[in-house]
Amino acid sequence: LTIINLMTKLQIRAFIYQLGCFAILFISFRYLLAHYTSLTGFWIPLTAFIVGTLLSPKFQAIKTNEGEKFYMRWIFMKGIKEIE
């Protein structure tokens, strides 16, 4: 069995959302750091990675008694929000 066969549809969706949000933040901060700071070398992607990881929302699919549900937690929102 592959890892895709073991994941449910909502788990795959959570993974893609989380990856997409991180990628957008990482690329944005990498560009901003390269152009507007004096950082050089591996410090630019390392700093962009840390900032992207901290600021990116976290998505998760959890199995409950009512079925599988999709949740999001973000540093800029209070608490955990159910999606859908």
N, C-alpha and C. Protein backbone atom coordinates (compact mmCIF):
# COMPACT_ATOMS: atom_id res chain seq x y z
N LEU A 1 0.84 -1.20 0.00
CA LEU A 1 0.00 0.00 0.00
C LEU A 1 0.87 1.25 0.00
N THR A 2 0.44 2.21 -0.75
CA THR A 2 1.17 3.48 -0.76
C THR A 2 0.55 4.42 0.26
N ILE A 3 1.24 5.51 0.55
CA ILE A 3 0.75 6.48 1.54
C ILE A 3 -0.55 7.13 1.06
N ILE A 4 -0.72 7.31 -0.23
CA ILE A 4 -1.95 7.91 -0.76
C ILE A 4 -3.15 7.00 -0.49
N ASN A 5 -2.96 5.68 -0.58
CA ASN A 5 -4.06 4.76 -0.32
C ASN A 5 -4.48 4.78 1.14
N LEU A 6 -3.59 5.15 2.04
CA LEU A 6 -3.90 5.16 3.46
C LEU A 6 -4.56 6.46 3.90
N MET A 7 -4.49 7.50 3.08
CA MET A 7 -5.05 8.80 3.44
C MET A 7 -6.47 8.94 2.90
N THR A 8 -7.32 9.58 3.69
CA THR A 8 -8.68 9.85 3.23
C THR A 8 -8.68 11.10 2.35
N LYS A 9 -9.82 11.34 1.73
CA LYS A 9 -9.96 12.50 0.85
C LYS A 9 -9.73 13.81 1.61
N LEU A 10 -10.27 13.92 2.82
CA LEU A 10 -10.08 15.14 3.62
C LEU A 10 -8.65 15.28 4.11
N GLN A 11 -7.97 14.19 4.40
CA GLN A 11 -6.57 14.27 4.81
C GLN A 11 -5.69 14.76 3.66
N ILE A 12 -5.98 14.31 2.46
CA ILE A 12 -5.24 14.78 1.28
C ILE A 12 -5.52 16.26 1.07
N ARG A 13 -6.78 16.66 1.22
CA ARG A 13 -7.15 18.06 1.08
C ARG A 13 -6.43 18.93 2.11
N ALA A 14 -6.35 18.47 3.35
CA ALA A 14 -5.66 19.21 4.40
C ALA A 14 -4.17 19.35 4.06
N PHE A 15 -3.57 18.29 3.57
CA PHE A 15 -2.17 18.32 3.19
C PHE A 15 -1.92 19.33 2.07
N ILE A 16 -2.77 19.32 1.06
CA ILE A 16 -2.60 20.23 -0.07
C ILE A 16 -2.81 21.68 0.36
N TYR A 17 -3.82 21.95 1.18
CA TYR A 17 -4.05 23.30 1.68
C TYR A 17 -2.86 23.79 2.49
N GLN A 18 -2.36 22.95 3.38
CA GLN A 18 -1.24 23.34 4.23
C GLN A 18 0.01 23.58 3.39
N LEU A 19 0.27 22.72 2.43
CA LEU A 19 1.42 22.88 1.55
C LEU A 19 1.30 24.15 0.71
N GLY A 20 0.11 24.41 0.18
CA GLY A 20 -0.10 25.61 -0.63
C GLY A 20 0.08 26.89 0.16
N CYS A 21 -0.49 26.95 1.36
CA CYS A 21 -0.33 28.14 2.20
C CYS A 21 1.12 28.37 2.57
N PHE A 22 1.82 27.29 2.94
CA PHE A 22 3.23 27.42 3.28
C PHE A 22 4.03 27.90 2.08
N ALA A 23 3.77 27.33 0.90
CA ALA A 23 4.52 27.70 -0.29
C ALA A 23 4.33 29.17 -0.64
N ILE A 24 3.11 29.66 -0.55
CA ILE A 24 2.85 31.07 -0.84
C ILE A 24 3.62 31.97 0.14
N LEU A 25 3.56 31.64 1.42
CA LEU A 25 4.26 32.45 2.42
C LEU A 25 5.78 32.33 2.26
N PHE A 26 6.28 31.13 2.02
CA PHE A 26 7.72 30.93 1.87
C PHE A 26 8.27 31.73 0.69
N ILE A 27 7.63 31.62 -0.46
CA ILE A 27 8.10 32.32 -1.65
C ILE A 27 8.01 33.83 -1.46
N SER A 28 6.91 34.29 -0.87
CA SER A 28 6.75 35.73 -0.62
C SER A 28 7.83 36.27 0.31
N PHE A 29 8.04 35.59 1.43
CA PHE A 29 9.05 36.06 2.38
C PHE A 29 10.46 35.90 1.84
N ARG A 30 10.70 34.88 1.05
CA ARG A 30 12.03 34.72 0.45
C ARG A 30 12.34 35.90 -0.46
N TYR A 31 11.37 36.30 -1.27
CA TYR A 31 11.55 37.45 -2.15
C TYR A 31 11.76 38.73 -1.32
N LEU A 32 10.91 38.95 -0.32
CA LEU A 32 11.02 40.17 0.49
C LEU A 32 12.35 40.23 1.24
N LEU A 33 12.77 39.11 1.79
CA LEU A 33 14.04 39.08 2.52
C LEU A 33 15.23 39.32 1.59
N ALA A 34 15.18 38.77 0.40
CA ALA A 34 16.28 38.93 -0.55
C ALA A 34 16.41 40.37 -1.03
N HIS A 35 15.29 41.04 -1.18
CA HIS A 35 15.33 42.39 -1.75
C HIS A 35 15.38 43.51 -0.72
N TYR A 36 14.89 43.27 0.48
CA TYR A 36 14.75 44.37 1.43
C TYR A 36 15.54 44.18 2.72
N THR A 37 16.37 43.15 2.82
CA THR A 37 17.23 42.99 3.99
C THR A 37 18.66 42.76 3.52
N SER A 38 19.57 42.76 4.45
CA SER A 38 20.97 42.53 4.10
C SER A 38 21.38 41.07 4.32
N LEU A 39 20.41 40.16 4.45
CA LEU A 39 20.72 38.75 4.61
C LEU A 39 21.32 38.19 3.32
N THR A 40 22.25 37.26 3.47
CA THR A 40 22.87 36.62 2.29
C THR A 40 22.94 35.12 2.50
N GLY A 41 23.21 34.41 1.43
CA GLY A 41 23.44 32.97 1.49
C GLY A 41 22.23 32.18 1.96
N PHE A 42 22.51 31.16 2.78
CA PHE A 42 21.44 30.27 3.22
C PHE A 42 20.54 30.90 4.27
N TRP A 43 20.88 32.09 4.78
CA TRP A 43 20.05 32.77 5.78
C TRP A 43 18.72 33.22 5.18
N ILE A 44 18.69 33.52 3.90
CA ILE A 44 17.43 33.97 3.26
C ILE A 44 16.40 32.84 3.26
N PRO A 45 16.69 31.67 2.69
CA PRO A 45 15.68 30.60 2.71
C PRO A 45 15.41 30.06 4.11
N LEU A 46 16.42 30.04 4.97
CA LEU A 46 16.21 29.56 6.34
C LEU A 46 15.24 30.46 7.10
N THR A 47 15.44 31.76 6.99
CA THR A 47 14.54 32.71 7.65
C THR A 47 13.14 32.65 7.04
N ALA A 48 13.05 32.54 5.72
CA ALA A 48 11.75 32.43 5.06
C ALA A 48 11.03 31.15 5.47
N PHE A 49 11.77 30.07 5.65
CA PHE A 49 11.19 28.80 6.10
C PHE A 49 10.60 28.94 7.50
N ILE A 50 11.36 29.54 8.41
CA ILE A 50 10.89 29.71 9.79
C ILE A 50 9.66 30.61 9.84
N VAL A 51 9.70 31.73 9.15
CA VAL A 51 8.56 32.65 9.14
C VAL A 51 7.34 31.99 8.49
N GLY A 52 7.55 31.29 7.37
CA GLY A 52 6.45 30.60 6.70
C GLY A 52 5.83 29.52 7.57
N THR A 53 6.66 28.80 8.30
CA THR A 53 6.16 27.75 9.19
C THR A 53 5.34 28.34 10.33
N LEU A 54 5.81 29.43 10.90
CA LEU A 54 5.10 30.04 12.03
C LEU A 54 3.80 30.72 11.62
N LEU A 55 3.78 31.35 10.45
CA LEU A 55 2.60 32.12 10.04
C LEU A 55 1.58 31.34 9.22
N SER A 56 1.94 30.18 8.74
CA SER A 56 1.03 29.40 7.91
C SER A 56 -0.08 28.76 8.75
N PRO A 57 -1.32 28.77 8.24
CA PRO A 57 -2.39 28.08 8.98
C PRO A 57 -2.18 26.57 8.95
N LYS A 58 -2.68 25.92 9.99
CA LYS A 58 -2.56 24.47 10.10
C LYS A 58 -3.92 23.83 9.82
N PHE A 59 -3.96 22.88 8.91
CA PHE A 59 -5.19 22.18 8.53
C PHE A 59 -5.08 20.73 8.98
N GLN A 60 -6.23 20.16 9.41
CA GLN A 60 -6.24 18.77 9.85
C GLN A 60 -7.62 18.17 9.67
N ALA A 61 -7.65 16.92 9.23
CA ALA A 61 -8.88 16.15 9.12
C ALA A 61 -8.91 15.17 10.29
N ILE A 62 -10.01 15.22 11.05
CA ILE A 62 -10.13 14.39 12.25
C ILE A 62 -11.41 13.56 12.15
N LYS A 63 -11.29 12.28 12.50
CA LYS A 63 -12.46 11.40 12.52
C LYS A 63 -13.18 11.58 13.85
N THR A 64 -14.48 11.89 13.78
CA THR A 64 -15.31 12.06 14.97
C THR A 64 -16.47 11.08 14.90
N ASN A 65 -17.34 11.13 15.90
CA ASN A 65 -18.52 10.26 15.91
C ASN A 65 -19.47 10.59 14.77
N GLU A 66 -19.49 11.85 14.35
CA GLU A 66 -20.36 12.28 13.26
C GLU A 66 -19.73 12.07 11.88
N GLY A 67 -18.54 11.54 11.83
CA GLY A 67 -17.82 11.37 10.57
C GLY A 67 -16.54 12.18 10.60
N GLU A 68 -15.89 12.26 9.45
CA GLU A 68 -14.63 13.01 9.37
C GLU A 68 -14.91 14.49 9.19
N LYS A 69 -14.17 15.32 9.94
CA LYS A 69 -14.35 16.76 9.87
C LYS A 69 -13.01 17.43 9.58
N PHE A 70 -13.11 18.63 8.99
CA PHE A 70 -11.95 19.37 8.51
C PHE A 70 -11.79 20.62 9.38
N TYR A 71 -10.63 20.77 10.01
CA TYR A 71 -10.39 21.88 10.93
C TYR A 71 -9.19 22.71 10.50
N MET A 72 -9.21 23.99 10.94
CA MET A 72 -8.10 24.90 10.67
C MET A 72 -7.78 25.68 11.93
N ARG A 73 -6.48 25.86 12.18
CA ARG A 73 -6.01 26.69 13.29
C ARG A 73 -4.99 27.64 12.71
N TRP A 74 -5.09 28.92 13.14
CA TRP A 74 -4.18 29.93 12.62
C TRP A 74 -3.80 30.87 13.73
N ILE A 75 -2.60 31.37 13.69
CA ILE A 75 -2.09 32.25 14.74
C ILE A 75 -2.90 33.55 14.83
N PHE A 76 -3.51 33.97 13.74
CA PHE A 76 -4.27 35.22 13.70
C PHE A 76 -5.75 35.05 14.04
N MET A 77 -6.16 33.82 14.33
CA MET A 77 -7.55 33.53 14.70
C MET A 77 -7.57 32.91 16.09
N LYS A 78 -8.59 33.22 16.85
CA LYS A 78 -8.71 32.63 18.17
C LYS A 78 -9.41 31.28 18.07
N GLY A 79 -8.82 30.27 18.61
CA GLY A 79 -9.43 28.95 18.62
C GLY A 79 -9.25 28.19 17.32
N ILE A 80 -10.00 27.09 17.23
CA ILE A 80 -9.96 26.21 16.07
C ILE A 80 -11.28 26.37 15.30
N LYS A 81 -11.18 26.49 13.98
CA LYS A 81 -12.36 26.71 13.16
C LYS A 81 -12.65 25.45 12.33
N GLU A 82 -13.92 25.03 12.33
CA GLU A 82 -14.31 23.92 11.48
C GLU A 82 -14.59 24.45 10.09
N ILE A 83 -14.00 23.83 9.08
CA ILE A 83 -14.21 24.23 7.70
C ILE A 83 -15.34 23.38 7.13
N GLU A 84 -16.24 24.00 6.38
CA GLU A 84 -17.42 23.36 5.79
C GLU A 84 -18.43 23.25 6.83
